[in-house]
Amino acid sequence: MLIVDDEPLIRMDLADMVRDAGHVVLEAADADEAIALLEAHPAIRILVTDIEMPGSMNGLKLAAAVRDRWPPVAIIVTSGRIQPAAHQMPAAAVFLDKPYRAAAMSAALDAAAASLPPAR
């Protein structure tokens, strides 16, 4: 799983929660770092990204790029300020408002994992 958020404390808190649930987690501070990690780690199957980030693209553009290049990756988009319209979200992506509750994120991650095709 890959968590992308430019806010280190938010990213670390979510990564700790996900690790505690038994998942392997990689972290990125922006979209460029996320793309590099996706290229280096083809086993990444879930992306959690914030919308507002500095760099070459925001989280919605990152999510669209991931959907195009890595179609099987499940995508969870988050934001505390932006509510994206349905047409702005990639197919099958899920949106969670920040601050998200641990139970809501856990449910979204479980649903994302359940939607993935079997690993080869």
PDB file of N, CA and C in Angstrom:
ATOM      1  N   MET A   1       0.844  -1.168   0.000  1.00  0.00           N
ATOM      2  CA  MET A   1       0.000   0.000   0.000  1.00  0.00           C
ATOM      3  C   MET A   1       0.891   1.234   0.000  1.00  0.00           C
ATOM      4  N   LEU A   2       0.429   2.267  -0.692  1.00  0.00           N
ATOM      5  CA  LEU A   2       1.179   3.512  -0.788  1.00  0.00           C
ATOM      6  C   LEU A   2       0.318   4.649  -0.265  1.00  0.00           C
ATOM      7  N   ILE A   3       0.870   5.401   0.686  1.00  0.00           N
ATOM      8  CA  ILE A   3       0.192   6.567   1.258  1.00  0.00           C
ATOM      9  C   ILE A   3       0.931   7.813   0.783  1.00  0.00           C
ATOM     10  N   VAL A   4       0.176   8.748   0.186  1.00  0.00           N
ATOM     11  CA  VAL A   4       0.770   9.973  -0.353  1.00  0.00           C
ATOM     12  C   VAL A   4       0.094  11.172   0.311  1.00  0.00           C
ATOM     13  N   ASP A   5       0.880  11.909   1.082  1.00  0.00           N
ATOM     14  CA  ASP A   5       0.373  13.110   1.760  1.00  0.00           C
ATOM     15  C   ASP A   5       1.565  13.989   2.078  1.00  0.00           C
ATOM     16  N   ASP A   6       1.479  15.277   1.797  1.00  0.00           N
ATOM     17  CA  ASP A   6       2.590  16.188   2.060  1.00  0.00           C
ATOM     18  C   ASP A   6       2.690  16.586   3.525  1.00  0.00           C
ATOM     19  N   GLU A   7       1.676  16.265   4.319  1.00  0.00           N
ATOM     20  CA  GLU A   7       1.711  16.565   5.757  1.00  0.00           C
ATOM     21  C   GLU A   7       2.316  15.355   6.484  1.00  0.00           C
ATOM     22  N   PRO A   8       3.564  15.471   6.970  1.00  0.00           N
ATOM     23  CA  PRO A   8       4.242  14.311   7.550  1.00  0.00           C
ATOM     24  C   PRO A   8       3.487  13.653   8.706  1.00  0.00           C
ATOM     25  N   LEU A   9       2.908  14.435   9.602  1.00  0.00           N
ATOM     26  CA  LEU A   9       2.222  13.840  10.752  1.00  0.00           C
ATOM     27  C   LEU A   9       0.986  13.060  10.330  1.00  0.00           C
ATOM     28  N   ILE A  10       0.227  13.594   9.390  1.00  0.00           N
ATOM     29  CA  ILE A  10      -0.959  12.883   8.889  1.00  0.00           C
ATOM     30  C   ILE A  10      -0.532  11.599   8.204  1.00  0.00           C
ATOM     31  N   ARG A  11       0.498  11.695   7.360  1.00  0.00           N
ATOM     32  CA  ARG A  11       0.994  10.523   6.637  1.00  0.00           C
ATOM     33  C   ARG A  11       1.498   9.452   7.613  1.00  0.00           C
ATOM     34  N   MET A  12       2.267   9.857   8.611  1.00  0.00           N
ATOM     35  CA  MET A  12       2.817   8.895   9.573  1.00  0.00           C
ATOM     36  C   MET A  12       1.727   8.267  10.427  1.00  0.00           C
ATOM     37  N   ASP A  13       0.745   9.064  10.852  1.00  0.00           N
ATOM     38  CA  ASP A  13      -0.357   8.505  11.648  1.00  0.00           C
ATOM     39  C   ASP A  13      -1.124   7.454  10.863  1.00  0.00           C
ATOM     40  N   LEU A  14      -1.436   7.756   9.614  1.00  0.00           N
ATOM     41  CA  LEU A  14      -2.161   6.797   8.790  1.00  0.00           C
ATOM     42  C   LEU A  14      -1.299   5.558   8.533  1.00  0.00           C
ATOM     43  N   ALA A  15      -0.024   5.767   8.244  1.00  0.00           N
ATOM     44  CA  ALA A  15       0.870   4.628   8.012  1.00  0.00           C
ATOM     45  C   ALA A  15       0.942   3.729   9.247  1.00  0.00           C
ATOM     46  N   ASP A  16       1.032   4.319  10.428  1.00  0.00           N
ATOM     47  CA  ASP A  16       1.054   3.521  11.663  1.00  0.00           C
ATOM     48  C   ASP A  16      -0.233   2.723  11.827  1.00  0.00           C
ATOM     49  N   MET A  17      -1.375   3.365  11.570  1.00  0.00           N
ATOM     50  CA  MET A  17      -2.655   2.680  11.691  1.00  0.00           C
ATOM     51  C   MET A  17      -2.730   1.492  10.729  1.00  0.00           C
ATOM     52  N   VAL A  18      -2.275   1.711   9.510  1.00  0.00           N
ATOM     53  CA  VAL A  18      -2.345   0.668   8.491  1.00  0.00           C
ATOM     54  C   VAL A  18      -1.355  -0.462   8.805  1.00  0.00           C
ATOM     55  N   ARG A  19      -0.176  -0.111   9.288  1.00  0.00           N
ATOM     56  CA  ARG A  19       0.792  -1.139   9.698  1.00  0.00           C
ATOM     57  C   ARG A  19       0.243  -1.964  10.862  1.00  0.00           C
ATOM     58  N   ASP A  20      -0.402  -1.285  11.804  1.00  0.00           N
ATOM     59  CA  ASP A  20      -0.994  -1.997  12.948  1.00  0.00           C
ATOM     60  C   ASP A  20      -2.052  -2.995  12.495  1.00  0.00           C
ATOM     61  N   ALA A  21      -2.675  -2.726  11.345  1.00  0.00           N
ATOM     62  CA  ALA A  21      -3.682  -3.636  10.792  1.00  0.00           C
ATOM     63  C   ALA A  21      -3.033  -4.757   9.979  1.00  0.00           C
ATOM     64  N   GLY A  22      -1.684  -4.757   9.897  1.00  0.00           N
ATOM     65  CA  GLY A  22      -0.986  -5.845   9.244  1.00  0.00           C
ATOM     66  C   GLY A  22      -0.574  -5.620   7.803  1.00  0.00           C
ATOM     67  N   HIS A  23      -0.686  -4.392   7.325  1.00  0.00           N
ATOM     68  CA  HIS A  23      -0.322  -4.099   5.935  1.00  0.00           C
ATOM     69  C   HIS A  23       1.109  -3.586   5.841  1.00  0.00           C
ATOM     70  N   VAL A  24       1.737  -3.839   4.708  1.00  0.00           N
ATOM     71  CA  VAL A  24       3.033  -3.255   4.389  1.00  0.00           C
ATOM     72  C   VAL A  24       2.754  -1.893   3.761  1.00  0.00           C
ATOM     73  N   VAL A  25       3.448  -0.862   4.240  1.00  0.00           N
ATOM     74  CA  VAL A  25       3.162   0.504   3.809  1.00  0.00           C
ATOM     75  C   VAL A  25       4.410   1.198   3.291  1.00  0.00           C
ATOM     76  N   LEU A  26       4.257   1.874   2.157  1.00  0.00           N
ATOM     77  CA  LEU A  26       5.263   2.798   1.654  1.00  0.00           C
ATOM     78  C   LEU A  26       4.664   4.191   1.753  1.00  0.00           C
ATOM     79  N   GLU A  27       5.528   5.198   1.925  1.00  0.00           N
ATOM     80  CA  GLU A  27       5.057   6.571   2.084  1.00  0.00           C
ATOM     81  C   GLU A  27       5.724   7.494   1.065  1.00  0.00           C
ATOM     82  N   ALA A  28       4.951   8.457   0.574  1.00  0.00           N
ATOM     83  CA  ALA A  28       5.471   9.478  -0.338  1.00  0.00           C
ATOM     84  C   ALA A  28       4.908  10.834   0.071  1.00  0.00           C
ATOM     85  N   ALA A  29       5.718  11.875  -0.127  1.00  0.00           N
ATOM     86  CA  ALA A  29       5.298  13.229   0.232  1.00  0.00           C
ATOM     87  C   ALA A  29       4.663  13.975  -0.933  1.00  0.00           C
ATOM     88  N   ASP A  30       4.818  13.452  -2.167  1.00  0.00           N
ATOM     89  CA  ASP A  30       4.222  14.109  -3.327  1.00  0.00           C
ATOM     90  C   ASP A  30       4.037  13.094  -4.453  1.00  0.00           C
ATOM     91  N   ALA A  31       3.424  13.548  -5.532  1.00  0.00           N
ATOM     92  CA  ALA A  31       3.085  12.657  -6.640  1.00  0.00           C
ATOM     93  C   ALA A  31       4.319  12.107  -7.343  1.00  0.00           C
ATOM     94  N   ASP A  32       5.354  12.917  -7.496  1.00  0.00           N
ATOM     95  CA  ASP A  32       6.559  12.439  -8.171  1.00  0.00           C
ATOM     96  C   ASP A  32       7.196  11.285  -7.407  1.00  0.00           C
ATOM     97  N   GLU A  33       7.272  11.429  -6.099  1.00  0.00           N
ATOM     98  CA  GLU A  33       7.811  10.357  -5.262  1.00  0.00           C
ATOM     99  C   GLU A  33       6.908   9.126  -5.335  1.00  0.00           C
ATOM    100  N   ALA A  34       5.604   9.341  -5.375  1.00  0.00           N
ATOM    101  CA  ALA A  34       4.654   8.230  -5.464  1.00  0.00           C
ATOM    102  C   ALA A  34       4.829   7.460  -6.771  1.00  0.00           C
ATOM    103  N   ILE A  35       4.957   8.162  -7.891  1.00  0.00           N
ATOM    104  CA  ILE A  35       5.145   7.503  -9.185  1.00  0.00           C
ATOM    105  C   ILE A  35       6.433   6.681  -9.171  1.00  0.00           C
ATOM    106  N   ALA A  36       7.504   7.242  -8.615  1.00  0.00           N
ATOM    107  CA  ALA A  36       8.769   6.509  -8.530  1.00  0.00           C
ATOM    108  C   ALA A  36       8.606   5.228  -7.706  1.00  0.00           C
ATOM    109  N   LEU A  37       7.872   5.309  -6.597  1.00  0.00           N
ATOM    110  CA  LEU A  37       7.644   4.122  -5.771  1.00  0.00           C
ATOM    111  C   LEU A  37       6.783   3.093  -6.501  1.00  0.00           C
ATOM    112  N   LEU A  38       5.765   3.541  -7.209  1.00  0.00           N
ATOM    113  CA  LEU A  38       4.926   2.619  -7.984  1.00  0.00           C
ATOM    114  C   LEU A  38       5.736   1.915  -9.066  1.00  0.00           C
ATOM    115  N   GLU A  39       6.646   2.636  -9.706  1.00  0.00           N
ATOM    116  CA  GLU A  39       7.493   2.023 -10.732  1.00  0.00           C
ATOM    117  C   GLU A  39       8.458   1.008 -10.120  1.00  0.00           C
ATOM    118  N   ALA A  40       8.958   1.308  -8.926  1.00  0.00           N
ATOM    119  CA  ALA A  40       9.940   0.432  -8.273  1.00  0.00           C
ATOM    120  C   ALA A  40       9.315  -0.751  -7.538  1.00  0.00           C
ATOM    121  N   HIS A  41       8.045  -0.635  -7.182  1.00  0.00           N
ATOM    122  CA  HIS A  41       7.375  -1.661  -6.373  1.00  0.00           C
ATOM    123  C   HIS A  41       6.063  -2.080  -7.039  1.00  0.00           C
ATOM    124  N   PRO A  42       6.126  -2.970  -8.014  1.00  0.00           N
ATOM    125  CA  PRO A  42       4.901  -3.364  -8.724  1.00  0.00           C
ATOM    126  C   PRO A  42       3.884  -4.096  -7.840  1.00  0.00           C
ATOM    127  N   ALA A  43       4.271  -4.472  -6.632  1.00  0.00           N
ATOM    128  CA  ALA A  43       3.343  -5.160  -5.730  1.00  0.00           C
ATOM    129  C   ALA A  43       2.365  -4.204  -5.045  1.00  0.00           C
ATOM    130  N   ILE A  44       2.534  -2.888  -5.207  1.00  0.00           N
ATOM    131  CA  ILE A  44       1.609  -1.924  -4.599  1.00  0.00           C
ATOM    132  C   ILE A  44       0.229  -2.138  -5.203  1.00  0.00           C
ATOM    133  N   ARG A  45      -0.765  -2.343  -4.338  1.00  0.00           N
ATOM    134  CA  ARG A  45      -2.105  -2.649  -4.820  1.00  0.00           C
ATOM    135  C   ARG A  45      -3.156  -1.643  -4.356  1.00  0.00           C
ATOM    136  N   ILE A  46      -2.787  -0.783  -3.384  1.00  0.00           N
ATOM    137  CA  ILE A  46      -3.719   0.233  -2.886  1.00  0.00           C
ATOM    138  C   ILE A  46      -2.972   1.563  -2.769  1.00  0.00           C
ATOM    139  N   LEU A  47      -3.602   2.631  -3.250  1.00  0.00           N
ATOM    140  CA  LEU A  47      -3.072   3.989  -3.143  1.00  0.00           C
ATOM    141  C   LEU A  47      -4.043   4.816  -2.311  1.00  0.00           C
ATOM    142  N   VAL A  48      -3.505   5.497  -1.297  1.00  0.00           N
ATOM    143  CA  VAL A  48      -4.270   6.485  -0.538  1.00  0.00           C
ATOM    144  C   VAL A  48      -3.568   7.810  -0.767  1.00  0.00           C
ATOM    145  N   THR A  49      -4.281   8.782  -1.363  1.00  0.00           N
ATOM    146  CA  THR A  49      -3.647  10.062  -1.669  1.00  0.00           C
ATOM    147  C   THR A  49      -4.502  11.246  -1.241  1.00  0.00           C
ATOM    148  N   ASP A  50      -3.825  12.233  -0.696  1.00  0.00           N
ATOM    149  CA  ASP A  50      -4.457  13.519  -0.418  1.00  0.00           C
ATOM    150  C   ASP A  50      -4.592  14.262  -1.748  1.00  0.00           C
ATOM    151  N   ILE A  51      -5.550  15.167  -1.832  1.00  0.00           N
ATOM    152  CA  ILE A  51      -5.726  15.946  -3.072  1.00  0.00           C
ATOM    153  C   ILE A  51      -4.734  17.083  -3.151  1.00  0.00           C
ATOM    154  N   GLU A  52      -4.634  17.879  -2.104  1.00  0.00           N
ATOM    155  CA  GLU A  52      -3.805  19.088  -2.152  1.00  0.00           C
ATOM    156  C   GLU A  52      -2.368  18.760  -1.760  1.00  0.00           C
ATOM    157  N   MET A  53      -1.486  18.828  -2.765  1.00  0.00           N
ATOM    158  CA  MET A  53      -0.068  18.562  -2.546  1.00  0.00           C
ATOM    159  C   MET A  53       0.745  19.457  -3.461  1.00  0.00           C
ATOM    160  N   PRO A  54       1.954  19.817  -3.028  1.00  0.00           N
ATOM    161  CA  PRO A  54       2.830  20.573  -3.924  1.00  0.00           C
ATOM    162  C   PRO A  54       3.432  19.631  -4.966  1.00  0.00           C
ATOM    163  N   GLY A  55       4.035  20.206  -5.983  1.00  0.00           N
ATOM    164  CA  GLY A  55       4.735  19.385  -6.960  1.00  0.00           C
ATOM    165  C   GLY A  55       4.075  19.414  -8.321  1.00  0.00           C
ATOM    166  N   SER A  56       4.413  18.428  -9.133  1.00  0.00           N
ATOM    167  CA  SER A  56       3.999  18.419 -10.527  1.00  0.00           C
ATOM    168  C   SER A  56       2.520  18.099 -10.726  1.00  0.00           C
ATOM    169  N   MET A  57       1.893  17.459  -9.741  1.00  0.00           N
ATOM    170  CA  MET A  57       0.465  17.167  -9.869  1.00  0.00           C
ATOM    171  C   MET A  57      -0.167  17.013  -8.495  1.00  0.00           C
ATOM    172  N   ASN A  58      -1.463  17.313  -8.429  1.00  0.00           N
ATOM    173  CA  ASN A  58      -2.183  17.130  -7.170  1.00  0.00           C
ATOM    174  C   ASN A  58      -2.655  15.674  -7.065  1.00  0.00           C
ATOM    175  N   GLY A  59      -3.357  15.359  -5.995  1.00  0.00           N
ATOM    176  CA  GLY A  59      -3.787  13.991  -5.765  1.00  0.00           C
ATOM    177  C   GLY A  59      -4.787  13.473  -6.778  1.00  0.00           C
ATOM    178  N   LEU A  60      -5.656  14.342  -7.301  1.00  0.00           N
ATOM    179  CA  LEU A  60      -6.605  13.895  -8.322  1.00  0.00           C
ATOM    180  C   LEU A  60      -5.886  13.534  -9.617  1.00  0.00           C
ATOM    181  N   LYS A  61      -4.900  14.329  -9.996  1.00  0.00           N
ATOM    182  CA  LYS A  61      -4.122  14.010 -11.197  1.00  0.00           C
ATOM    183  C   LYS A  61      -3.292  12.748 -10.974  1.00  0.00           C
ATOM    184  N   LEU A  62      -2.747  12.594  -9.764  1.00  0.00           N
ATOM    185  CA  LEU A  62      -2.014  11.370  -9.435  1.00  0.00           C
ATOM    186  C   LEU A  62      -2.939  10.164  -9.536  1.00  0.00           C
ATOM    187  N   ALA A  63      -4.127  10.268  -8.964  1.00  0.00           N
ATOM    188  CA  ALA A  63      -5.086   9.157  -9.012  1.00  0.00           C
ATOM    189  C   ALA A  63      -5.426   8.788 -10.451  1.00  0.00           C
ATOM    190  N   ALA A  64      -5.619   9.793 -11.302  1.00  0.00           N
ATOM    191  CA  ALA A  64      -5.917   9.537 -12.716  1.00  0.00           C
ATOM    192  C   ALA A  64      -4.726   8.859 -13.404  1.00  0.00           C
ATOM    193  N   ALA A  65      -3.518   9.311 -13.105  1.00  0.00           N
ATOM    194  CA  ALA A  65      -2.318   8.710 -13.694  1.00  0.00           C
ATOM    195  C   ALA A  65      -2.161   7.261 -13.253  1.00  0.00           C
ATOM    196  N   VAL A  66      -2.436   7.004 -11.986  1.00  0.00           N
ATOM    197  CA  VAL A  66      -2.348   5.635 -11.469  1.00  0.00           C
ATOM    198  C   VAL A  66      -3.405   4.757 -12.134  1.00  0.00           C
ATOM    199  N   ARG A  67      -4.621   5.273 -12.273  1.00  0.00           N
ATOM    200  CA  ARG A  67      -5.681   4.496 -12.926  1.00  0.00           C
ATOM    201  C   ARG A  67      -5.280   4.138 -14.359  1.00  0.00           C
ATOM    202  N   ASP A  68      -4.632   5.086 -15.065  1.00  0.00           N
ATOM    203  CA  ASP A  68      -4.212   4.837 -16.448  1.00  0.00           C
ATOM    204  C   ASP A  68      -3.052   3.843 -16.538  1.00  0.00           C
ATOM    205  N   ARG A  69      -2.039   4.008 -15.682  1.00  0.00           N
ATOM    206  CA  ARG A  69      -0.830   3.183 -15.778  1.00  0.00           C
ATOM    207  C   ARG A  69      -0.920   1.877 -15.011  1.00  0.00           C
ATOM    208  N   TRP A  70      -1.642   1.881 -13.904  1.00  0.00           N
ATOM    209  CA  TRP A  70      -1.753   0.707 -13.038  1.00  0.00           C
ATOM    210  C   TRP A  70      -3.228   0.458 -12.738  1.00  0.00           C
ATOM    211  N   PRO A  71      -4.008   0.036 -13.730  1.00  0.00           N
ATOM    212  CA  PRO A  71      -5.465  -0.084 -13.560  1.00  0.00           C
ATOM    213  C   PRO A  71      -5.923  -0.951 -12.389  1.00  0.00           C
ATOM    214  N   PRO A  72      -5.198  -2.006 -12.010  1.00  0.00           N
ATOM    215  CA  PRO A  72      -5.701  -2.825 -10.894  1.00  0.00           C
ATOM    216  C   PRO A  72      -5.558  -2.175  -9.511  1.00  0.00           C
ATOM    217  N   VAL A  73      -4.771  -1.098  -9.391  1.00  0.00           N
ATOM    218  CA  VAL A  73      -4.552  -0.470  -8.084  1.00  0.00           C
ATOM    219  C   VAL A  73      -5.853   0.170  -7.591  1.00  0.00           C
ATOM    220  N   ALA A  74      -6.239  -0.186  -6.364  1.00  0.00           N
ATOM    221  CA  ALA A  74      -7.398   0.444  -5.730  1.00  0.00           C
ATOM    222  C   ALA A  74      -6.971   1.832  -5.246  1.00  0.00           C
ATOM    223  N   ILE A  75      -7.872   2.817  -5.373  1.00  0.00           N
ATOM    224  CA  ILE A  75      -7.527   4.206  -5.068  1.00  0.00           C
ATOM    225  C   ILE A  75      -8.506   4.790  -4.054  1.00  0.00           C
ATOM    226  N   ILE A  76      -7.926   5.387  -2.990  1.00  0.00           N
ATOM    227  CA  ILE A  76      -8.694   6.133  -1.995  1.00  0.00           C
ATOM    228  C   ILE A  76      -8.151   7.559  -2.015  1.00  0.00           C
ATOM    229  N   VAL A  77      -9.007   8.536  -2.286  1.00  0.00           N
ATOM    230  CA  VAL A  77      -8.638   9.948  -2.354  1.00  0.00           C
ATOM    231  C   VAL A  77      -9.175  10.623  -1.095  1.00  0.00           C
ATOM    232  N   THR A  78      -8.352  11.490  -0.481  1.00  0.00           N
ATOM    233  CA  THR A  78      -8.767  12.171   0.743  1.00  0.00           C
ATOM    234  C   THR A  78      -8.546  13.677   0.626  1.00  0.00           C
ATOM    235  N   SER A  79      -9.324  14.437   1.399  1.00  0.00           N
ATOM    236  CA  SER A  79      -9.111  15.880   1.491  1.00  0.00           C
ATOM    237  C   SER A  79      -9.915  16.440   2.653  1.00  0.00           C
ATOM    238  N   GLY A  80      -9.363  17.470   3.257  1.00  0.00           N
ATOM    239  CA  GLY A  80     -10.077  18.185   4.298  1.00  0.00           C
ATOM    240  C   GLY A  80     -10.719  19.464   3.802  1.00  0.00           C
ATOM    241  N   ARG A  81     -10.429  19.822   2.536  1.00  0.00           N
ATOM    242  CA  ARG A  81     -10.952  21.081   2.011  1.00  0.00           C
ATOM    243  C   ARG A  81     -11.705  20.943   0.697  1.00  0.00           C
ATOM    244  N   ILE A  82     -11.416  19.921  -0.063  1.00  0.00           N
ATOM    245  CA  ILE A  82     -12.010  19.786  -1.391  1.00  0.00           C
ATOM    246  C   ILE A  82     -12.925  18.569  -1.428  1.00  0.00           C
ATOM    247  N   GLN A  83     -14.107  18.750  -1.944  1.00  0.00           N
ATOM    248  CA  GLN A  83     -15.034  17.638  -2.190  1.00  0.00           C
ATOM    249  C   GLN A  83     -15.108  17.463  -3.701  1.00  0.00           C
ATOM    250  N   PRO A  84     -14.362  16.499  -4.268  1.00  0.00           N
ATOM    251  CA  PRO A  84     -14.359  16.381  -5.726  1.00  0.00           C
ATOM    252  C   PRO A  84     -15.701  15.905  -6.267  1.00  0.00           C
ATOM    253  N   ALA A  85     -16.043  16.405  -7.433  1.00  0.00           N
ATOM    254  CA  ALA A  85     -17.241  15.928  -8.124  1.00  0.00           C
ATOM    255  C   ALA A  85     -16.959  14.525  -8.648  1.00  0.00           C
ATOM    256  N   ALA A  86     -18.005  13.765  -8.866  1.00  0.00           N
ATOM    257  CA  ALA A  86     -17.850  12.387  -9.329  1.00  0.00           C
ATOM    258  C   ALA A  86     -17.032  12.311 -10.617  1.00  0.00           C
ATOM    259  N   HIS A  87     -17.225  13.267 -11.529  1.00  0.00           N
ATOM    260  CA  HIS A  87     -16.492  13.228 -12.797  1.00  0.00           C
ATOM    261  C   HIS A  87     -15.000  13.522 -12.638  1.00  0.00           C
ATOM    262  N   GLN A  88     -14.597  14.071 -11.487  1.00  0.00           N
ATOM    263  CA  GLN A  88     -13.190  14.351 -11.232  1.00  0.00           C
ATOM    264  C   GLN A  88     -12.440  13.134 -10.695  1.00  0.00           C
ATOM    265  N   MET A  89     -13.182  12.157 -10.234  1.00  0.00           N
ATOM    266  CA  MET A  89     -12.580  10.966  -9.624  1.00  0.00           C
ATOM    267  C   MET A  89     -12.362   9.887 -10.685  1.00  0.00           C
ATOM    268  N   PRO A  90     -11.246   9.157 -10.575  1.00  0.00           N
ATOM    269  CA  PRO A  90     -11.054   8.033 -11.489  1.00  0.00           C
ATOM    270  C   PRO A  90     -12.098   6.944 -11.225  1.00  0.00           C
ATOM    271  N   ALA A  91     -12.336   6.116 -12.211  1.00  0.00           N
ATOM    272  CA  ALA A  91     -13.286   5.009 -12.063  1.00  0.00           C
ATOM    273  C   ALA A  91     -12.935   4.166 -10.844  1.00  0.00           C
ATOM    274  N   ALA A  92     -13.949   3.833 -10.074  1.00  0.00           N
ATOM    275  CA  ALA A  92     -13.847   2.944  -8.914  1.00  0.00           C
ATOM    276  C   ALA A  92     -13.040   3.519  -7.745  1.00  0.00           C
ATOM    277  N   ALA A  93     -12.678   4.804  -7.789  1.00  0.00           N
ATOM    278  CA  ALA A  93     -11.974   5.423  -6.667  1.00  0.00           C
ATOM    279  C   ALA A  93     -12.979   5.797  -5.584  1.00  0.00           C
ATOM    280  N   VAL A  94     -12.504   5.832  -4.347  1.00  0.00           N
ATOM    281  CA  VAL A  94     -13.327   6.175  -3.190  1.00  0.00           C
ATOM    282  C   VAL A  94     -12.809   7.480  -2.601  1.00  0.00           C
ATOM    283  N   PHE A  95     -13.710   8.328  -2.123  1.00  0.00           N
ATOM    284  CA  PHE A  95     -13.317   9.577  -1.475  1.00  0.00           C
ATOM    285  C   PHE A  95     -13.639   9.517   0.013  1.00  0.00           C
ATOM    286  N   LEU A  96     -12.696   9.973   0.849  1.00  0.00           N
ATOM    287  CA  LEU A  96     -12.918  10.112   2.290  1.00  0.00           C
ATOM    288  C   LEU A  96     -12.570  11.534   2.709  1.00  0.00           C
ATOM    289  N   ASP A  97     -13.480  12.178   3.463  1.00  0.00           N
ATOM    290  CA  ASP A  97     -13.209  13.496   4.035  1.00  0.00           C
ATOM    291  C   ASP A  97     -12.177  13.384   5.147  1.00  0.00           C
ATOM    292  N   LYS A  98     -11.347  14.421   5.274  1.00  0.00           N
ATOM    293  CA  LYS A  98     -10.454  14.550   6.425  1.00  0.00           C
ATOM    294  C   LYS A  98     -11.104  15.501   7.404  1.00  0.00           C
ATOM    295  N   PRO A  99     -10.914  15.379   8.666  1.00  0.00           N
ATOM    296  CA  PRO A  99     -10.171  14.275   9.265  1.00  0.00           C
ATOM    297  C   PRO A  99     -11.012  13.011   9.251  1.00  0.00           C
ATOM    298  N   TYR A 100     -10.424  11.934   8.769  1.00  0.00           N
ATOM    299  CA  TYR A 100     -11.175  10.690   8.721  1.00  0.00           C
ATOM    300  C   TYR A 100     -11.026   9.956  10.045  1.00  0.00           C
ATOM    301  N   ARG A 101     -12.056   9.232  10.371  1.00  0.00           N
ATOM    302  CA  ARG A 101     -12.003   8.392  11.562  1.00  0.00           C
ATOM    303  C   ARG A 101     -11.301   7.095  11.191  1.00  0.00           C
ATOM    304  N   ALA A 102     -10.631   6.505  12.144  1.00  0.00           N
ATOM    305  CA  ALA A 102      -9.914   5.252  11.903  1.00  0.00           C
ATOM    306  C   ALA A 102     -10.867   4.191  11.371  1.00  0.00           C
ATOM    307  N   ALA A 103     -12.081   4.128  11.895  1.00  0.00           N
ATOM    308  CA  ALA A 103     -13.039   3.114  11.445  1.00  0.00           C
ATOM    309  C   ALA A 103     -13.419   3.317   9.984  1.00  0.00           C
ATOM    310  N   ALA A 104     -13.584   4.576   9.563  1.00  0.00           N
ATOM    311  CA  ALA A 104     -13.946   4.860   8.169  1.00  0.00           C
ATOM    312  C   ALA A 104     -12.797   4.485   7.235  1.00  0.00           C
ATOM    313  N   MET A 105     -11.569   4.826   7.620  1.00  0.00           N
ATOM    314  CA  MET A 105     -10.417   4.473   6.789  1.00  0.00           C
ATOM    315  C   MET A 105     -10.241   2.962   6.749  1.00  0.00           C
ATOM    316  N   SER A 106     -10.395   2.322   7.879  1.00  0.00           N
ATOM    317  CA  SER A 106     -10.263   0.864   7.926  1.00  0.00           C
ATOM    318  C   SER A 106     -11.291   0.188   7.021  1.00  0.00           C
ATOM    319  N   ALA A 107     -12.527   0.680   7.047  1.00  0.00           N
ATOM    320  CA  ALA A 107     -13.576   0.118   6.189  1.00  0.00           C
ATOM    321  C   ALA A 107     -13.250   0.353   4.715  1.00  0.00           C
ATOM    322  N   ALA A 108     -12.750   1.543   4.387  1.00  0.00           N
ATOM    323  CA  ALA A 108     -12.392   1.843   2.996  1.00  0.00           C
ATOM    324  C   ALA A 108     -11.235   0.956   2.528  1.00  0.00           C
ATOM    325  N   LEU A 109     -10.257   0.733   3.396  1.00  0.00           N
ATOM    326  CA  LEU A 109      -9.132  -0.134   3.041  1.00  0.00           C
ATOM    327  C   LEU A 109      -9.579  -1.579   2.869  1.00  0.00           C
ATOM    328  N   ASP A 110     -10.464  -2.039   3.754  1.00  0.00           N
ATOM    329  CA  ASP A 110     -10.992  -3.407   3.629  1.00  0.00           C
ATOM    330  C   ASP A 110     -11.751  -3.566   2.313  1.00  0.00           C
ATOM    331  N   ALA A 111     -12.575  -2.571   1.979  1.00  0.00           N
ATOM    332  CA  ALA A 111     -13.331  -2.626   0.726  1.00  0.00           C
ATOM    333  C   ALA A 111     -12.385  -2.593  -0.479  1.00  0.00           C
ATOM    334  N   ALA A 112     -11.344  -1.757  -0.395  1.00  0.00           N
ATOM    335  CA  ALA A 112     -10.372  -1.686  -1.487  1.00  0.00           C
ATOM    336  C   ALA A 112      -9.666  -3.029  -1.663  1.00  0.00           C
ATOM    337  N   ALA A 113      -9.243  -3.617  -0.563  1.00  0.00           N
ATOM    338  CA  ALA A 113      -8.561  -4.914  -0.636  1.00  0.00           C
ATOM    339  C   ALA A 113      -9.485  -5.987  -1.200  1.00  0.00           C
ATOM    340  N   ALA A 114     -10.748  -5.963  -0.813  1.00  0.00           N
ATOM    341  CA  ALA A 114     -11.704  -6.957  -1.297  1.00  0.00           C
ATOM    342  C   ALA A 114     -11.996  -6.801  -2.781  1.00  0.00           C
ATOM    343  N   SER A 115     -11.823  -5.587  -3.311  1.00  0.00           N
ATOM    344  CA  SER A 115     -12.128  -5.330  -4.723  1.00  0.00           C
ATOM    345  C   SER A 115     -10.969  -5.708  -5.658  1.00  0.00           C
ATOM    346  N   LEU A 116      -9.813  -5.983  -5.088  1.00  0.00           N
ATOM    347  CA  LEU A 116      -8.641  -6.266  -5.918  1.00  0.00           C
ATOM    348  C   LEU A 116      -8.703  -7.649  -6.542  1.00  0.00           C
ATOM    349  N   PRO A 117      -8.187  -7.776  -7.768  1.00  0.00           N
ATOM    350  CA  PRO A 117      -8.085  -9.101  -8.349  1.00  0.00           C
ATOM    351  C   PRO A 117      -7.049  -9.910  -7.563  1.00  0.00           C
ATOM    352  N   PRO A 118      -7.142 -11.229  -7.588  1.00  0.00           N
ATOM    353  CA  PRO A 118      -6.160 -12.054  -6.853  1.00  0.00           C
ATOM    354  C   PRO A 118      -4.737 -11.763  -7.328  1.00  0.00           C
ATOM    355  N   ALA A 119      -3.809 -11.784  -6.373  1.00  0.00           N
ATOM    356  CA  ALA A 119      -2.396 -11.576  -6.714  1.00  0.00           C
ATOM    357  C   ALA A 119      -1.896 -12.745  -7.540  1.00  0.00           C
ATOM    358  N   ARG A 120      -0.996 -12.447  -8.477  1.00  0.00           N
ATOM    359  CA  ARG A 120      -0.451 -13.513  -9.321  1.00  0.00           C
ATOM    360  C   ARG A 120       0.856 -14.010  -8.785  1.00  0.00           C
TER     361      ARG A 120
END
